[in-house]
Amino acid sequence: MEDIFNFLSEISKNFPDIIVKKYNRIDTGWMNQIIVVNDELVFRFPRTASAIKKLAMELKLLSVLKQSPVNLPEYKFIHMEYPFFAGYKIIKGDTVENARSLSVNVLNDFIAVLNYMGTFKIDSLKGTLLPLHNASSWIRYEKSLMSSFQASLEENTGTEYFNEIFSLLDIAMSDLNDCDISLIHGDLSRGNVILNRKHSRINGIIDWSDASYGDLALDIAAIIDGFPLRYLPYILQNFSNNFSTRALKRILFYRLVSPLYRAYFLQQTGDEYEAEALCKEILNDRNSPKIKEKIKNKTDNYGLISH
């Protein structure tokens, strides 16, 4: 508990107008310590030098995203010296992880955000410190990511599992084009999307530290992660046939490997038992064979997508 009082001390010392009456620590993030003050302000304290760089990048990016169709964090409290930290007024609502379904209005909000991000060309983002990919470098990035997962998790999954993952990655990325690359959030996980209390609209999207100029299909996959694939055609119909047909197998691939991110996080943060248990769930997932088969068949028949 000692470090939380250090964090609170830094907040009070550097922003004396903030009177801390209550606080809550959210210790689920890998990159940042999160402190919520008075149920009103969210402060992020980076854990590592890499996390400091990511938060600095997020601050630059958010200064560009001024016309977003949904609320984004507005950092009003920024301390640029050691310890580097920043805070914003909390975006009220409930996270998508607590929603049982995705309403049409929520899907439309997601589509509006994706279309908005698609308006940013790579040259307009060069001052933001974002990773800026083309198709070739994105594929190298994905292969490097899967290699990291393999090195950390292969003891739990077995070699054969990752051999198949790399084979599926080659198939999924086989016709990725530079035109598929755009500004993406990079981690539209269910905890980073805030809905209103009726779960009928998106109030805001937080944590842009993994944003990049990357594969649009990754954000689309994240939107429906944990939900039935039947939502996918509604989203894809808002994009060109050319993109949707080629993106489908990448979306399915990202969905397939999504649990690996959590398993890797658990392994890297010392929760080896939990990581092992999650790997067993991954191996025994009854939906995985169907998804793998659709990737291999390169199907563009959205009617086949169902649970």
Protein backbone atom coordinates (compact mmCIF):
# COMPACT_ATOMS: atom_id res chain seq x y z
CA MET A 1 0.00 0.00 0.00
CA GLU A 2 3.00 2.31 0.43
CA ASP A 3 3.25 3.16 -3.27
CA ILE A 4 -0.39 4.28 -3.50
CA PHE A 5 0.26 6.89 -0.83
CA ASN A 6 3.30 8.01 -2.81
CA PHE A 7 1.05 8.39 -5.86
CA LEU A 8 -1.54 10.35 -3.89
CA SER A 9 1.21 12.53 -2.46
CA GLU A 10 2.46 13.34 -5.97
CA ILE A 11 -1.07 14.24 -7.08
CA SER A 12 -1.63 16.56 -4.12
CA LYS A 13 1.83 18.12 -4.34
CA ASN A 14 1.68 18.87 -8.05
CA PHE A 15 -2.04 19.69 -8.28
CA PRO A 16 -2.92 21.30 -4.93
CA ASP A 17 -6.44 22.23 -6.08
CA ILE A 18 -7.33 18.54 -5.97
CA ILE A 19 -8.53 17.60 -2.49
CA VAL A 20 -8.38 13.82 -2.18
CA LYS A 21 -11.44 12.67 -0.26
CA LYS A 22 -11.48 9.10 -1.50
CA TYR A 23 -9.45 6.98 -3.87
CA ASN A 24 -9.47 3.63 -5.56
CA ARG A 25 -6.56 1.74 -7.05
CA ILE A 26 -7.13 -0.33 -10.21
CA ASP A 27 -4.24 -2.76 -10.41
CA THR A 28 -5.18 -4.72 -13.53
CA GLY A 29 -3.09 -2.78 -16.03
CA TRP A 30 0.24 -4.07 -17.25
CA MET A 31 1.71 -0.74 -18.29
CA ASN A 32 0.22 1.66 -15.74
CA GLN A 33 -0.85 1.97 -12.14
CA ILE A 34 -4.35 3.46 -12.19
CA ILE A 35 -5.62 5.65 -9.33
CA VAL A 36 -9.22 6.95 -9.33
CA VAL A 37 -9.64 10.02 -7.12
CA ASN A 38 -13.02 11.10 -5.70
CA ASP A 39 -14.78 8.96 -8.33
CA GLU A 40 -14.07 11.87 -10.68
CA LEU A 41 -10.46 11.78 -11.87
CA VAL A 42 -8.38 8.97 -13.35
CA PHE A 43 -4.60 9.17 -12.93
CA ARG A 44 -2.19 6.92 -14.80
CA PHE A 45 1.30 6.28 -13.45
CA PRO A 46 3.48 4.38 -15.96
CA ARG A 47 5.27 1.35 -14.57
CA THR A 48 8.21 1.34 -17.01
CA ALA A 49 10.15 3.56 -19.39
CA SER A 50 8.25 1.93 -22.25
CA ALA A 51 4.95 2.81 -20.56
CA ILE A 52 6.08 6.43 -20.18
CA LYS A 53 6.76 6.56 -23.92
CA LYS A 54 3.34 5.07 -24.67
CA LEU A 55 1.53 7.54 -22.44
CA ALA A 56 3.43 10.44 -24.02
CA MET A 57 2.38 9.11 -27.42
CA GLU A 58 -1.25 8.86 -26.26
CA LEU A 59 -1.21 12.47 -25.10
CA LYS A 60 0.04 13.61 -28.52
CA LEU A 61 -2.51 11.47 -30.36
CA LEU A 62 -5.46 12.67 -28.28
CA SER A 63 -4.50 16.26 -29.03
CA VAL A 64 -5.17 15.40 -32.69
CA LEU A 65 -8.45 13.49 -32.19
CA LYS A 66 -10.57 16.54 -31.45
CA GLN A 67 -13.63 15.66 -33.55
CA SER A 68 -14.20 12.12 -32.29
CA PRO A 69 -17.86 10.98 -32.43
CA VAL A 70 -17.52 9.58 -28.89
CA ASN A 71 -15.84 10.95 -25.77
CA LEU A 72 -12.11 10.39 -25.37
CA PRO A 73 -9.95 11.12 -22.31
CA GLU A 74 -9.15 14.81 -21.93
CA TYR A 75 -5.96 14.99 -19.91
CA LYS A 76 -6.09 18.14 -17.78
CA PHE A 77 -3.44 17.12 -15.26
CA ILE A 78 -0.06 16.31 -16.79
CA HIS A 79 3.20 16.07 -14.86
CA MET A 80 6.07 15.86 -17.35
CA GLU A 81 8.91 15.42 -14.85
CA TYR A 82 9.74 12.43 -12.68
CA PRO A 83 7.47 10.77 -11.76
CA PHE A 84 5.72 11.21 -15.11
CA PHE A 85 1.93 10.81 -14.74
CA ALA A 86 -1.27 12.24 -16.16
CA GLY A 87 -4.93 12.46 -15.22
CA TYR A 88 -8.29 13.08 -16.86
CA LYS A 89 -11.91 13.49 -15.82
CA ILE A 90 -13.52 10.07 -15.65
CA ILE A 91 -15.87 9.05 -18.45
CA LYS A 92 -18.96 7.81 -16.63
CA GLY A 93 -20.72 4.61 -17.58
CA ASP A 94 -20.32 0.86 -17.71
CA THR A 95 -17.73 -1.13 -19.63
CA VAL A 96 -18.72 -3.33 -22.56
CA GLU A 97 -17.61 -6.42 -20.61
CA ASN A 98 -20.81 -6.04 -18.57
CA ALA A 99 -23.07 -5.89 -21.64
CA ARG A 100 -24.93 -9.01 -22.72
CA SER A 101 -25.28 -7.88 -26.32
CA LEU A 102 -24.37 -5.09 -28.72
CA SER A 103 -27.27 -2.88 -29.76
CA VAL A 104 -27.53 -1.44 -33.27
CA ASN A 105 -26.76 2.02 -31.85
CA VAL A 106 -23.61 0.75 -30.15
CA LEU A 107 -22.50 -0.93 -33.37
CA ASN A 108 -23.20 2.31 -35.25
CA ASP A 109 -21.09 4.21 -32.72
CA PHE A 110 -18.23 1.77 -33.26
CA ILE A 111 -18.54 2.18 -37.02
CA ALA A 112 -18.53 5.97 -36.67
CA VAL A 113 -15.30 5.79 -34.63
CA LEU A 114 -13.64 3.50 -37.18
CA ASN A 115 -14.67 5.77 -40.04
CA TYR A 116 -13.41 8.82 -38.17
CA MET A 117 -10.02 7.21 -37.57
CA GLY A 118 -9.93 6.25 -41.23
CA THR A 119 -9.87 9.93 -42.20
CA PHE A 120 -6.34 10.34 -40.80
CA LYS A 121 -3.58 9.83 -43.33
CA ILE A 122 -0.16 8.61 -42.27
CA ASP A 123 1.53 11.98 -42.89
CA SER A 124 -0.80 13.70 -40.42
CA LEU A 125 0.30 11.30 -37.65
CA LYS A 126 4.08 11.54 -37.98
CA GLY A 127 4.35 13.96 -35.07
CA THR A 128 2.43 11.72 -32.66
CA LEU A 129 5.19 9.12 -32.04
CA LEU A 130 2.75 6.40 -33.18
CA PRO A 131 4.12 3.19 -34.70
CA LEU A 132 3.45 3.74 -38.40
CA HIS A 133 3.10 0.50 -40.37
CA ASN A 134 2.59 -0.55 -43.94
CA ALA A 135 1.35 -4.04 -44.84
CA SER A 136 4.81 -5.62 -44.77
CA SER A 137 5.88 -4.16 -41.45
CA TRP A 138 2.52 -5.07 -39.90
CA ILE A 139 3.00 -8.71 -40.85
CA ARG A 140 6.50 -8.64 -39.32
CA TYR A 141 5.01 -7.09 -36.18
CA GLU A 142 2.37 -9.84 -35.89
CA LYS A 143 4.96 -12.57 -36.40
CA SER A 144 7.18 -11.01 -33.74
CA LEU A 145 4.22 -10.82 -31.35
CA MET A 146 3.32 -14.48 -31.91
CA SER A 147 6.97 -15.42 -31.41
CA SER A 148 6.91 -13.68 -28.03
CA PHE A 149 3.76 -15.57 -27.11
CA GLN A 150 5.36 -18.83 -28.22
CA ALA A 151 8.52 -18.26 -26.17
CA SER A 152 6.43 -17.55 -23.07
CA LEU A 153 3.56 -20.04 -23.45
CA GLU A 154 4.77 -22.99 -25.53
CA GLU A 155 5.54 -24.99 -22.42
CA ASN A 156 1.80 -24.89 -21.65
CA THR A 157 0.41 -25.21 -25.17
CA GLY A 158 2.90 -27.54 -26.83
CA THR A 159 4.87 -26.90 -30.02
CA GLU A 160 2.16 -28.17 -32.36
CA TYR A 161 -0.27 -25.47 -31.27
CA PHE A 162 2.05 -22.62 -32.27
CA ASN A 163 3.08 -24.35 -35.47
CA GLU A 164 -0.57 -24.19 -36.50
CA ILE A 165 -0.90 -20.58 -35.32
CA PHE A 166 1.98 -19.49 -37.56
CA SER A 167 0.52 -21.42 -40.49
CA LEU A 168 -2.84 -19.69 -39.97
CA LEU A 169 -1.13 -16.32 -39.65
CA ASP A 170 0.46 -16.80 -43.08
CA ILE A 171 -2.94 -17.61 -44.59
CA ALA A 172 -4.72 -14.76 -42.83
CA MET A 173 -2.14 -12.15 -43.86
CA SER A 174 -1.61 -13.46 -47.38
CA ASP A 175 -3.41 -10.59 -49.12
CA LEU A 176 -3.10 -7.77 -46.60
CA ASN A 177 -2.72 -4.54 -48.58
CA ASP A 178 -1.41 -1.11 -47.66
CA CYS A 179 -4.93 0.23 -48.20
CA ASP A 180 -6.08 -1.89 -45.22
CA ILE A 181 -3.77 0.05 -42.91
CA SER A 182 -5.23 3.01 -41.01
CA LEU A 183 -5.23 4.67 -37.62
CA ILE A 184 -6.41 2.07 -35.09
CA HIS A 185 -6.99 2.06 -31.35
CA GLY A 186 -5.12 -1.23 -31.04
CA ASP A 187 -6.79 -2.41 -27.82
CA LEU A 188 -10.55 -2.02 -28.15
CA SER A 189 -10.92 -4.57 -25.40
CA ARG A 190 -14.14 -4.73 -23.50
CA GLY A 191 -12.69 -2.80 -20.56
CA ASN A 192 -11.67 0.17 -22.71
CA VAL A 193 -15.11 0.91 -24.15
CA ILE A 194 -17.52 2.77 -21.85
CA LEU A 195 -21.26 2.44 -22.48
CA ASN A 196 -24.08 4.45 -20.98
CA ARG A 197 -25.97 2.79 -18.16
CA LYS A 198 -28.62 1.42 -20.50
CA HIS A 199 -25.89 -0.09 -22.69
CA SER A 200 -27.53 1.61 -25.66
CA ARG A 201 -24.72 4.00 -26.75
CA ILE A 202 -20.97 4.40 -26.36
CA ASN A 203 -20.07 7.09 -23.84
CA GLY A 204 -16.36 6.96 -24.52
CA ILE A 205 -13.23 4.99 -25.42
CA ILE A 206 -10.19 5.08 -23.13
CA ASP A 207 -6.55 3.89 -23.12
CA TRP A 208 -5.12 4.78 -26.51
CA SER A 209 -1.58 3.76 -25.57
CA ASP A 210 -1.56 0.85 -28.05
CA ALA A 211 -2.77 2.95 -30.97
CA SER A 212 -0.87 2.70 -34.23
CA TYR A 213 -1.19 3.02 -37.95
CA GLY A 214 -2.05 -0.64 -38.42
CA ASP A 215 -4.54 -3.22 -39.63
CA LEU A 216 -8.15 -2.01 -39.39
CA ALA A 217 -9.24 -5.64 -39.08
CA LEU A 218 -7.67 -5.78 -35.59
CA ASP A 219 -10.04 -3.13 -34.23
CA ILE A 220 -13.03 -4.80 -35.90
CA ALA A 221 -12.07 -8.13 -34.31
CA ALA A 222 -11.78 -6.47 -30.90
CA ILE A 223 -15.26 -4.95 -31.16
CA ILE A 224 -16.91 -8.36 -31.32
CA ASP A 225 -14.43 -10.20 -29.09
CA GLY A 226 -16.49 -12.14 -26.56
CA PHE A 227 -19.68 -11.70 -28.58
CA PRO A 228 -21.25 -13.91 -31.27
CA LEU A 229 -19.81 -13.55 -34.76
CA ARG A 230 -23.30 -12.69 -36.04
CA TYR A 231 -22.49 -9.01 -35.36
CA LEU A 232 -19.67 -9.07 -37.87
CA PRO A 233 -21.65 -8.76 -41.14
CA TYR A 234 -23.37 -5.59 -39.88
CA ILE A 235 -19.98 -3.97 -39.30
CA LEU A 236 -18.37 -5.20 -42.51
CA GLN A 237 -21.24 -4.02 -44.72
CA ASN A 238 -20.12 -0.48 -43.96
CA PHE A 239 -16.80 -1.07 -45.70
CA SER A 240 -15.97 -1.91 -49.29
CA ASN A 241 -16.51 -5.44 -50.55
CA ASN A 242 -12.85 -5.59 -51.47
CA PHE A 243 -11.76 -4.84 -47.91
CA SER A 244 -14.39 -6.97 -46.17
CA THR A 245 -13.71 -10.07 -48.24
CA ARG A 246 -9.99 -9.96 -47.55
CA ALA A 247 -10.29 -8.78 -43.94
CA LEU A 248 -12.61 -11.58 -42.83
CA LYS A 249 -9.90 -14.19 -42.34
CA ARG A 250 -7.70 -11.69 -40.49
CA ILE A 251 -10.58 -10.81 -38.17
CA LEU A 252 -11.08 -14.50 -37.46
CA PHE A 253 -7.36 -14.94 -36.83
CA TYR A 254 -7.26 -12.03 -34.36
CA ARG A 255 -10.28 -13.48 -32.60
CA LEU A 256 -8.60 -16.87 -32.40
CA VAL A 257 -5.40 -15.56 -30.80
CA SER A 258 -7.08 -12.97 -28.56
CA PRO A 259 -6.83 -15.13 -25.38
CA LEU A 260 -3.07 -15.43 -25.91
CA TYR A 261 -2.66 -11.77 -24.98
CA ARG A 262 -4.16 -12.42 -21.54
CA ALA A 263 -2.18 -15.64 -21.06
CA TYR A 264 1.02 -13.82 -21.99
CA PHE A 265 0.22 -11.01 -19.57
CA LEU A 266 -0.37 -13.52 -16.76
CA GLN A 267 2.86 -15.37 -17.52
CA GLN A 268 4.93 -12.19 -17.69
CA THR A 269 3.53 -10.82 -14.43
CA GLY A 270 4.21 -14.02 -12.49
CA ASP A 271 0.74 -15.59 -12.43
CA GLU A 272 2.04 -18.84 -13.92
CA TYR A 273 -0.75 -21.01 -12.53
CA GLU A 274 -3.42 -18.74 -14.06
CA ALA A 275 -1.51 -18.63 -17.34
CA GLU A 276 -1.35 -22.43 -17.45
CA ALA A 277 -5.07 -22.72 -16.68
CA LEU A 278 -5.93 -20.24 -19.45
CA CYS A 279 -3.75 -22.13 -21.93
CA LYS A 280 -5.73 -25.27 -21.16
CA GLU A 281 -8.94 -23.38 -21.88
CA ILE A 282 -7.48 -22.16 -25.16
CA LEU A 283 -6.57 -25.70 -26.22
CA ASN A 284 -10.01 -27.02 -25.26
CA ASP A 285 -12.09 -24.19 -26.77
CA ARG A 286 -14.80 -25.93 -28.81
CA ASN A 287 -15.16 -22.97 -31.19
CA SER A 288 -11.50 -22.88 -32.22
CA PRO A 289 -11.68 -25.72 -34.79
CA LYS A 290 -14.53 -23.94 -36.61
CA ILE A 291 -12.67 -20.65 -36.70
CA LYS A 292 -9.48 -22.34 -37.89
CA GLU A 293 -11.37 -24.08 -40.67
CA LYS A 294 -12.93 -20.81 -41.85
CA ILE A 295 -9.48 -19.18 -42.00
CA LYS A 296 -8.10 -22.08 -44.01
CA ASN A 297 -11.07 -22.05 -46.39
CA LYS A 298 -10.78 -18.25 -46.84
CA THR A 299 -14.58 -18.09 -46.85
CA ASP A 300 -16.27 -14.79 -47.66
CA ASN A 301 -19.75 -16.16 -47.00
CA TYR A 302 -20.90 -14.20 -43.96
CA GLY A 303 -23.91 -16.52 -43.66
CA LEU A 304 -21.53 -19.23 -42.48
CA ILE A 305 -20.53 -17.15 -39.46
CA SER A 306 -22.63 -18.28 -36.54
CA HIS A 307 -22.38 -19.82 -33.11
